[in-house]
Amino acid sequence: MSAVRPERPRAIRIVVVDDQAIVRRGVRALLATEPDLDVVGEAGDGEAAVRLVERLRPDVALIDLVMPGVDGVEAIRCIAAQQPATRIVVLTSFASDENVFPAIKAGALGYLLKDSEPEDLVRAIRQVHRGEPSLHPEIARKVLLELNRPPERQRQTGVPLTARELDVLRLIARGLSNQEIADQLVVGETTVRTHVSSILSKLQLASRTQAALFALREGYAALDDAQLPG
């Protein structure tokens, strides 16, 4: 009786978005050497990227930021809203604050520079596919410096959250799950899920990680108590 071979896991389906064809082909050639990665499509601008992701629904989208027409940040925002199951990795040459923070706020879970080592790109794709953030060391430093920067003002007014939503936001920043937040506030988990959805909608954020970053940046949570959700 022959042994039953274990079923191989499905490859991670990827689209590559860059206005330079040579970059797209280079990334495709690199990823083709990895048996668990499969490039299923390419796009040369943000508008084409949004349509491509809607049609193919890949697991991961690698997106450049500076492209003609619809740029990378706007494409990320549209994809995160329309296809939230697709994880997004920025792959760009730009590391300035005006590129980094809008891309992360728009919904990017990874941010790599084009001078990264090939193995770093492969690792980042696998990490974001698991739902884990992956940042180039230079970008990670920027995020940490931003979190450590004393808030210019405590936004106790002007943020459209209720008192209970602020309570939930602070607990999100501490890394608590929905059930743990429910236990802490003595409410049902369904109620917490509703509050989390409302917080993300009101603040125009794409994930709990972004909500935690917002809480830290605006002074609603202290860095010593915080644990960013994975």
C-alpha atoms as a PDB file:
ATOM      1  CA  MET A   1       0.000   0.000   0.000  1.00  0.00           C
ATOM      2  CA  SER A   2       1.571   3.242  -1.133  1.00  0.00           C
ATOM      3  CA  ALA A   3       2.006   6.125   1.301  1.00  0.00           C
ATOM      4  CA  VAL A   4      -0.243   9.128   0.838  1.00  0.00           C
ATOM      5  CA  ARG A   5       1.791  12.174  -0.084  1.00  0.00           C
ATOM      6  CA  PRO A   6       0.943  15.291   1.909  1.00  0.00           C
ATOM      7  CA  GLU A   7      -0.780  17.939  -0.177  1.00  0.00           C
ATOM      8  CA  ARG A   8       1.520  20.827  -1.022  1.00  0.00           C
ATOM      9  CA  PRO A   9       0.335  24.201   0.298  1.00  0.00           C
ATOM     10  CA  ARG A  10      -0.979  26.621  -2.312  1.00  0.00           C
ATOM     11  CA  ALA A  11       1.608  29.082  -3.575  1.00  0.00           C
ATOM     12  CA  ILE A  12       1.298  32.733  -2.515  1.00  0.00           C
ATOM     13  CA  ARG A  13      -0.235  34.589  -5.477  1.00  0.00           C
ATOM     14  CA  ILE A  14       1.439  37.949  -6.157  1.00  0.00           C
ATOM     15  CA  VAL A  15       0.968  40.919  -8.473  1.00  0.00           C
ATOM     16  CA  VAL A  16       3.819  43.339  -9.207  1.00  0.00           C
ATOM     17  CA  VAL A  17       3.037  47.025  -9.780  1.00  0.00           C
ATOM     18  CA  ASP A  18       5.777  49.314 -11.092  1.00  0.00           C
ATOM     19  CA  ASP A  19       5.933  51.764 -13.994  1.00  0.00           C
ATOM     20  CA  GLN A  20       9.325  50.359 -15.064  1.00  0.00           C
ATOM     21  CA  ALA A  21       9.024  47.117 -17.041  1.00  0.00           C
ATOM     22  CA  ILE A  22      12.597  46.127 -16.211  1.00  0.00           C
ATOM     23  CA  VAL A  23      11.779  46.247 -12.484  1.00  0.00           C
ATOM     24  CA  ARG A  24       8.649  44.155 -12.946  1.00  0.00           C
ATOM     25  CA  ARG A  25      10.505  41.539 -14.973  1.00  0.00           C
ATOM     26  CA  GLY A  26      13.377  41.464 -12.509  1.00  0.00           C
ATOM     27  CA  VAL A  27      11.054  40.906  -9.555  1.00  0.00           C
ATOM     28  CA  ARG A  28       9.164  38.229 -11.489  1.00  0.00           C
ATOM     29  CA  ALA A  29      12.423  36.418 -12.314  1.00  0.00           C
ATOM     30  CA  LEU A  30      13.555  36.583  -8.684  1.00  0.00           C
ATOM     31  CA  LEU A  31      10.301  35.262  -7.261  1.00  0.00           C
ATOM     32  CA  ALA A  32      10.119  32.491  -9.868  1.00  0.00           C
ATOM     33  CA  THR A  33      13.013  30.812  -8.035  1.00  0.00           C
ATOM     34  CA  GLU A  34      10.821  30.327  -4.947  1.00  0.00           C
ATOM     35  CA  PRO A  35       8.428  27.355  -5.181  1.00  0.00           C
ATOM     36  CA  ASP A  36       5.889  28.887  -2.794  1.00  0.00           C
ATOM     37  CA  LEU A  37       5.630  32.216  -4.653  1.00  0.00           C
ATOM     38  CA  ASP A  38       3.725  32.745  -7.897  1.00  0.00           C
ATOM     39  CA  VAL A  39       3.568  36.058  -9.794  1.00  0.00           C
ATOM     40  CA  VAL A  40       0.143  36.035 -11.433  1.00  0.00           C
ATOM     41  CA  GLY A  41       0.075  39.524 -12.936  1.00  0.00           C
ATOM     42  CA  GLU A  42       1.791  42.869 -13.556  1.00  0.00           C
ATOM     43  CA  ALA A  43       0.612  46.468 -13.812  1.00  0.00           C
ATOM     44  CA  GLY A  44       2.407  49.666 -14.804  1.00  0.00           C
ATOM     45  CA  ASP A  45       0.332  52.261 -12.919  1.00  0.00           C
ATOM     46  CA  GLY A  46      -2.026  52.604  -9.996  1.00  0.00           C
ATOM     47  CA  GLU A  47      -5.274  52.565 -11.956  1.00  0.00           C
ATOM     48  CA  ALA A  48      -4.299  49.357 -13.744  1.00  0.00           C
ATOM     49  CA  ALA A  49      -3.208  47.897 -10.400  1.00  0.00           C
ATOM     50  CA  VAL A  50      -6.619  48.445  -8.809  1.00  0.00           C
ATOM     51  CA  ARG A  51      -8.346  46.749 -11.761  1.00  0.00           C
ATOM     52  CA  LEU A  52      -5.822  43.883 -11.763  1.00  0.00           C
ATOM     53  CA  VAL A  53      -6.226  43.185  -8.048  1.00  0.00           C
ATOM     54  CA  GLU A  54     -10.008  43.303  -8.369  1.00  0.00           C
ATOM     55  CA  ARG A  55      -9.852  40.721 -11.191  1.00  0.00           C
ATOM     56  CA  LEU A  56      -7.169  38.364  -9.816  1.00  0.00           C
ATOM     57  CA  ARG A  57      -7.619  38.842  -6.044  1.00  0.00           C
ATOM     58  CA  PRO A  58      -3.981  37.974  -5.255  1.00  0.00           C
ATOM     59  CA  ASP A  59      -2.647  37.242  -1.792  1.00  0.00           C
ATOM     60  CA  VAL A  60       0.030  39.966  -1.976  1.00  0.00           C
ATOM     61  CA  ALA A  61       0.515  43.097  -4.090  1.00  0.00           C
ATOM     62  CA  LEU A  62       3.985  44.642  -4.479  1.00  0.00           C
ATOM     63  CA  ILE A  63       3.432  48.314  -5.277  1.00  0.00           C
ATOM     64  CA  ASP A  64       5.766  51.171  -6.183  1.00  0.00           C
ATOM     65  CA  LEU A  65       4.749  54.636  -4.970  1.00  0.00           C
ATOM     66  CA  VAL A  66       5.754  57.047  -7.739  1.00  0.00           C
ATOM     67  CA  MET A  67       3.892  56.176 -10.924  1.00  0.00           C
ATOM     68  CA  PRO A  68       2.077  58.153 -13.632  1.00  0.00           C
ATOM     69  CA  GLY A  69      -1.630  58.818 -13.212  1.00  0.00           C
ATOM     70  CA  VAL A  70      -2.950  57.187 -10.039  1.00  0.00           C
ATOM     71  CA  ASP A  71       0.026  56.967  -7.698  1.00  0.00           C
ATOM     72  CA  GLY A  72       0.933  54.147  -5.332  1.00  0.00           C
ATOM     73  CA  VAL A  73      -0.639  55.627  -2.194  1.00  0.00           C
ATOM     74  CA  GLU A  74      -4.012  56.118  -3.864  1.00  0.00           C
ATOM     75  CA  ALA A  75      -3.815  52.616  -5.366  1.00  0.00           C
ATOM     76  CA  ILE A  76      -3.037  51.190  -1.908  1.00  0.00           C
ATOM     77  CA  ARG A  77      -5.991  53.047  -0.414  1.00  0.00           C
ATOM     78  CA  CYS A  78      -8.362  51.707  -3.082  1.00  0.00           C
ATOM     79  CA  ILE A  79      -7.086  48.144  -2.867  1.00  0.00           C
ATOM     80  CA  ALA A  80      -7.207  48.116   0.940  1.00  0.00           C
ATOM     81  CA  ALA A  81     -10.821  49.297   0.822  1.00  0.00           C
ATOM     82  CA  GLN A  82     -12.006  47.056  -2.000  1.00  0.00           C
ATOM     83  CA  GLN A  83      -9.885  43.919  -1.509  1.00  0.00           C
ATOM     84  CA  PRO A  84      -8.849  43.843   2.182  1.00  0.00           C
ATOM     85  CA  ALA A  85      -7.703  40.217   1.909  1.00  0.00           C
ATOM     86  CA  THR A  86      -4.854  41.309  -0.390  1.00  0.00           C
ATOM     87  CA  ARG A  87      -1.792  42.218   1.684  1.00  0.00           C
ATOM     88  CA  ILE A  88       0.234  45.143   0.352  1.00  0.00           C
ATOM     89  CA  VAL A  89       4.016  45.599   0.309  1.00  0.00           C
ATOM     90  CA  VAL A  90       5.465  48.905  -0.868  1.00  0.00           C
ATOM     91  CA  LEU A  91       8.601  48.376  -2.974  1.00  0.00           C
ATOM     92  CA  THR A  92      10.085  51.761  -3.770  1.00  0.00           C
ATOM     93  CA  SER A  93      13.232  53.895  -3.852  1.00  0.00           C
ATOM     94  CA  PHE A  94      11.740  56.576  -1.600  1.00  0.00           C
ATOM     95  CA  ALA A  95      12.109  56.659   2.175  1.00  0.00           C
ATOM     96  CA  SER A  96      11.002  60.202   3.030  1.00  0.00           C
ATOM     97  CA  ASP A  97       8.331  60.806   5.671  1.00  0.00           C
ATOM     98  CA  GLU A  98       5.916  62.134   3.061  1.00  0.00           C
ATOM     99  CA  ASN A  99       6.096  58.747   1.316  1.00  0.00           C
ATOM    100  CA  VAL A 100       6.334  56.374   4.279  1.00  0.00           C
ATOM    101  CA  PHE A 101       3.517  57.478   6.579  1.00  0.00           C
ATOM    102  CA  PRO A 102       0.829  58.065   3.917  1.00  0.00           C
ATOM    103  CA  ALA A 103       1.554  54.605   2.463  1.00  0.00           C
ATOM    104  CA  ILE A 104       1.281  52.910   5.865  1.00  0.00           C
ATOM    105  CA  LYS A 105      -1.849  54.858   6.742  1.00  0.00           C
ATOM    106  CA  ALA A 106      -3.367  53.924   3.368  1.00  0.00           C
ATOM    107  CA  GLY A 107      -3.047  50.239   4.212  1.00  0.00           C
ATOM    108  CA  ALA A 108       0.450  48.959   3.385  1.00  0.00           C
ATOM    109  CA  LEU A 109       1.571  46.189   5.744  1.00  0.00           C
ATOM    110  CA  GLY A 110       5.131  46.075   4.394  1.00  0.00           C
ATOM    111  CA  TYR A 111       7.561  48.747   3.189  1.00  0.00           C
ATOM    112  CA  LEU A 112      10.815  47.833   1.447  1.00  0.00           C
ATOM    113  CA  LEU A 113      13.370  49.891  -0.444  1.00  0.00           C
ATOM    114  CA  LYS A 114      14.634  48.755  -3.828  1.00  0.00           C
ATOM    115  CA  ASP A 115      18.171  48.435  -2.494  1.00  0.00           C
ATOM    116  CA  SER A 116      16.997  45.603  -0.190  1.00  0.00           C
ATOM    117  CA  GLU A 117      18.548  42.170  -0.572  1.00  0.00           C
ATOM    118  CA  PRO A 118      16.502  39.658  -2.617  1.00  0.00           C
ATOM    119  CA  GLU A 119      16.023  37.436   0.416  1.00  0.00           C
ATOM    120  CA  ASP A 120      14.550  40.421   2.292  1.00  0.00           C
ATOM    121  CA  LEU A 121      11.854  40.796  -0.351  1.00  0.00           C
ATOM    122  CA  VAL A 122      11.035  37.091  -0.246  1.00  0.00           C
ATOM    123  CA  ARG A 123      10.859  37.193   3.553  1.00  0.00           C
ATOM    124  CA  ALA A 124       8.636  40.295   3.489  1.00  0.00           C
ATOM    125  CA  ILE A 125       6.145  38.656   1.128  1.00  0.00           C
ATOM    126  CA  ARG A 126       5.852  35.621   3.373  1.00  0.00           C
ATOM    127  CA  GLN A 127       5.511  37.776   6.490  1.00  0.00           C
ATOM    128  CA  VAL A 128       2.760  40.028   5.183  1.00  0.00           C
ATOM    129  CA  HIS A 129       0.948  36.998   3.784  1.00  0.00           C
ATOM    130  CA  ARG A 130       0.798  35.761   7.390  1.00  0.00           C
ATOM    131  CA  GLY A 131      -0.544  39.160   8.451  1.00  0.00           C
ATOM    132  CA  GLU A 132       2.739  40.319  10.001  1.00  0.00           C
ATOM    133  CA  PRO A 133       4.190  43.794   9.293  1.00  0.00           C
ATOM    134  CA  SER A 134       7.536  43.861   7.472  1.00  0.00           C
ATOM    135  CA  LEU A 135       9.549  47.075   7.332  1.00  0.00           C
ATOM    136  CA  HIS A 136      12.956  47.923   5.886  1.00  0.00           C
ATOM    137  CA  PRO A 137      15.268  48.806   8.837  1.00  0.00           C
ATOM    138  CA  GLU A 138      15.394  52.461   7.774  1.00  0.00           C
ATOM    139  CA  ILE A 139      11.588  52.606   7.670  1.00  0.00           C
ATOM    140  CA  ALA A 140      11.289  50.805  11.013  1.00  0.00           C
ATOM    141  CA  ARG A 141      13.539  53.469  12.570  1.00  0.00           C
ATOM    142  CA  LYS A 142      11.298  56.209  11.216  1.00  0.00           C
ATOM    143  CA  VAL A 143       8.225  54.549  12.710  1.00  0.00           C
ATOM    144  CA  LEU A 144       9.905  54.115  16.095  1.00  0.00           C
ATOM    145  CA  LEU A 145      11.104  57.730  16.113  1.00  0.00           C
ATOM    146  CA  GLU A 146       7.584  58.866  15.270  1.00  0.00           C
ATOM    147  CA  LEU A 147       6.154  56.786  18.108  1.00  0.00           C
ATOM    148  CA  ASN A 148       8.720  58.162  20.546  1.00  0.00           C
ATOM    149  CA  ARG A 149       8.124  61.769  19.505  1.00  0.00           C
ATOM    150  CA  PRO A 150       6.265  63.643  22.250  1.00  0.00           C
ATOM    151  CA  PRO A 151       2.813  64.544  20.934  1.00  0.00           C
ATOM    152  CA  GLU A 152       2.512  68.226  20.073  1.00  0.00           C
ATOM    153  CA  ARG A 153      -0.950  68.195  21.546  1.00  0.00           C
ATOM    154  CA  GLN A 154      -3.273  65.716  23.132  1.00  0.00           C
ATOM    155  CA  ARG A 155      -6.260  65.492  20.809  1.00  0.00           C
ATOM    156  CA  GLN A 156      -8.917  65.234  23.493  1.00  0.00           C
ATOM    157  CA  THR A 157     -11.192  67.243  21.222  1.00  0.00           C
ATOM    158  CA  GLY A 158     -11.568  67.038  17.478  1.00  0.00           C
ATOM    159  CA  VAL A 159     -11.336  63.219  17.225  1.00  0.00           C
ATOM    160  CA  PRO A 160     -14.796  61.856  16.331  1.00  0.00           C
ATOM    161  CA  LEU A 161     -14.741  58.965  18.811  1.00  0.00           C
ATOM    162  CA  THR A 162     -17.080  58.336  21.714  1.00  0.00           C
ATOM    163  CA  ALA A 163     -15.691  57.831  25.220  1.00  0.00           C
ATOM    164  CA  ARG A 164     -16.221  54.065  24.941  1.00  0.00           C
ATOM    165  CA  GLU A 165     -14.488  53.971  21.526  1.00  0.00           C
ATOM    166  CA  LEU A 166     -11.519  55.776  23.080  1.00  0.00           C
ATOM    167  CA  ASP A 167     -11.431  53.090  25.785  1.00  0.00           C
ATOM    168  CA  VAL A 168     -11.374  50.407  23.081  1.00  0.00           C
ATOM    169  CA  LEU A 169      -8.689  52.296  21.129  1.00  0.00           C
ATOM    170  CA  ARG A 170      -6.411  52.422  24.186  1.00  0.00           C
ATOM    171  CA  LEU A 171      -6.815  48.669  24.720  1.00  0.00           C
ATOM    172  CA  ILE A 172      -6.117  47.971  21.036  1.00  0.00           C
ATOM    173  CA  ALA A 173      -2.841  49.866  21.466  1.00  0.00           C
ATOM    174  CA  ARG A 174      -1.998  47.543  24.372  1.00  0.00           C
ATOM    175  CA  GLY A 175      -2.313  44.580  21.999  1.00  0.00           C
ATOM    176  CA  LEU A 176      -5.503  43.115  23.500  1.00  0.00           C
ATOM    177  CA  SER A 177      -7.745  40.880  21.394  1.00  0.00           C
ATOM    178  CA  ASN A 178     -11.452  41.585  20.976  1.00  0.00           C
ATOM    179  CA  GLN A 179     -12.304  38.993  23.634  1.00  0.00           C
ATOM    180  CA  GLU A 180      -9.735  40.425  26.063  1.00  0.00           C
ATOM    181  CA  ILE A 181     -11.130  43.927  25.488  1.00  0.00           C
ATOM    182  CA  ALA A 182     -14.649  42.592  26.083  1.00  0.00           C
ATOM    183  CA  ASP A 183     -13.552  41.006  29.363  1.00  0.00           C
ATOM    184  CA  GLN A 184     -11.823  44.226  30.438  1.00  0.00           C
ATOM    185  CA  LEU A 185     -14.839  46.428  29.669  1.00  0.00           C
ATOM    186  CA  VAL A 186     -17.428  43.828  30.731  1.00  0.00           C
ATOM    187  CA  VAL A 187     -19.252  43.868  27.413  1.00  0.00           C
ATOM    188  CA  GLY A 188     -19.869  41.304  24.684  1.00  0.00           C
ATOM    189  CA  GLU A 189     -17.276  40.517  22.031  1.00  0.00           C
ATOM    190  CA  THR A 190     -19.781  41.475  19.335  1.00  0.00           C
ATOM    191  CA  THR A 191     -20.026  44.926  20.907  1.00  0.00           C
ATOM    192  CA  VAL A 192     -16.239  45.258  20.814  1.00  0.00           C
ATOM    193  CA  ARG A 193     -16.145  44.234  17.146  1.00  0.00           C
ATOM    194  CA  THR A 194     -18.704  46.943  16.413  1.00  0.00           C
ATOM    195  CA  HIS A 195     -16.597  49.533  18.260  1.00  0.00           C
ATOM    196  CA  VAL A 196     -13.417  48.471  16.423  1.00  0.00           C
ATOM    197  CA  SER A 197     -15.170  48.731  13.052  1.00  0.00           C
ATOM    198  CA  SER A 198     -16.495  52.179  13.983  1.00  0.00           C
ATOM    199  CA  ILE A 199     -13.035  53.355  15.116  1.00  0.00           C
ATOM    200  CA  LEU A 200     -11.383  52.261  11.867  1.00  0.00           C
ATOM    201  CA  SER A 201     -14.154  53.859   9.808  1.00  0.00           C
ATOM    202  CA  LYS A 202     -14.175  57.181  11.682  1.00  0.00           C
ATOM    203  CA  LEU A 203     -10.371  57.516  11.642  1.00  0.00           C
ATOM    204  CA  GLN A 204     -10.131  56.240   8.038  1.00  0.00           C
ATOM    205  CA  LEU A 205      -7.678  53.519   9.047  1.00  0.00           C
ATOM    206  CA  ALA A 206      -7.238  50.086   7.471  1.00  0.00           C
ATOM    207  CA  SER A 207      -6.152  47.885  10.391  1.00  0.00           C
ATOM    208  CA  ARG A 208      -5.764  47.481  14.148  1.00  0.00           C
ATOM    209  CA  THR A 209      -2.030  48.132  13.733  1.00  0.00           C
ATOM    210  CA  GLN A 210      -2.767  51.543  12.238  1.00  0.00           C
ATOM    211  CA  ALA A 211      -5.229  52.219  15.062  1.00  0.00           C
ATOM    212  CA  ALA A 212      -2.513  51.391  17.616  1.00  0.00           C
ATOM    213  CA  LEU A 213      -0.059  53.708  15.835  1.00  0.00           C
ATOM    214  CA  PHE A 214      -2.678  56.464  15.850  1.00  0.00           C
ATOM    215  CA  ALA A 215      -3.290  55.997  19.589  1.00  0.00           C
ATOM    216  CA  LEU A 216       0.429  56.237  20.312  1.00  0.00           C
ATOM    217  CA  ARG A 217       1.036  59.208  18.043  1.00  0.00           C
ATOM    218  CA  GLU A 218      -1.880  61.197  19.443  1.00  0.00           C
ATOM    219  CA  GLY A 219      -1.101  60.485  23.075  1.00  0.00           C
ATOM    220  CA  TYR A 220      -3.995  58.136  23.876  1.00  0.00           C
ATOM    221  CA  ALA A 221      -1.554  55.345  24.793  1.00  0.00           C
ATOM    222  CA  ALA A 222       1.996  55.277  26.141  1.00  0.00           C
ATOM    223  CA  LEU A 223       4.778  53.528  24.229  1.00  0.00           C
ATOM    224  CA  ASP A 224       5.783  51.541  27.343  1.00  0.00           C
ATOM    225  CA  ASP A 225       2.313  49.977  27.531  1.00  0.00           C
ATOM    226  CA  ALA A 226       1.836  49.459  23.813  1.00  0.00           C
ATOM    227  CA  GLN A 227       2.113  46.294  21.787  1.00  0.00           C
ATOM    228  CA  LEU A 228       1.386  46.662  18.075  1.00  0.00           C
ATOM    229  CA  PRO A 229      -0.984  43.973  16.785  1.00  0.00           C
ATOM    230  CA  GLY A 230       0.557  41.551  14.286  1.00  0.00           C
END
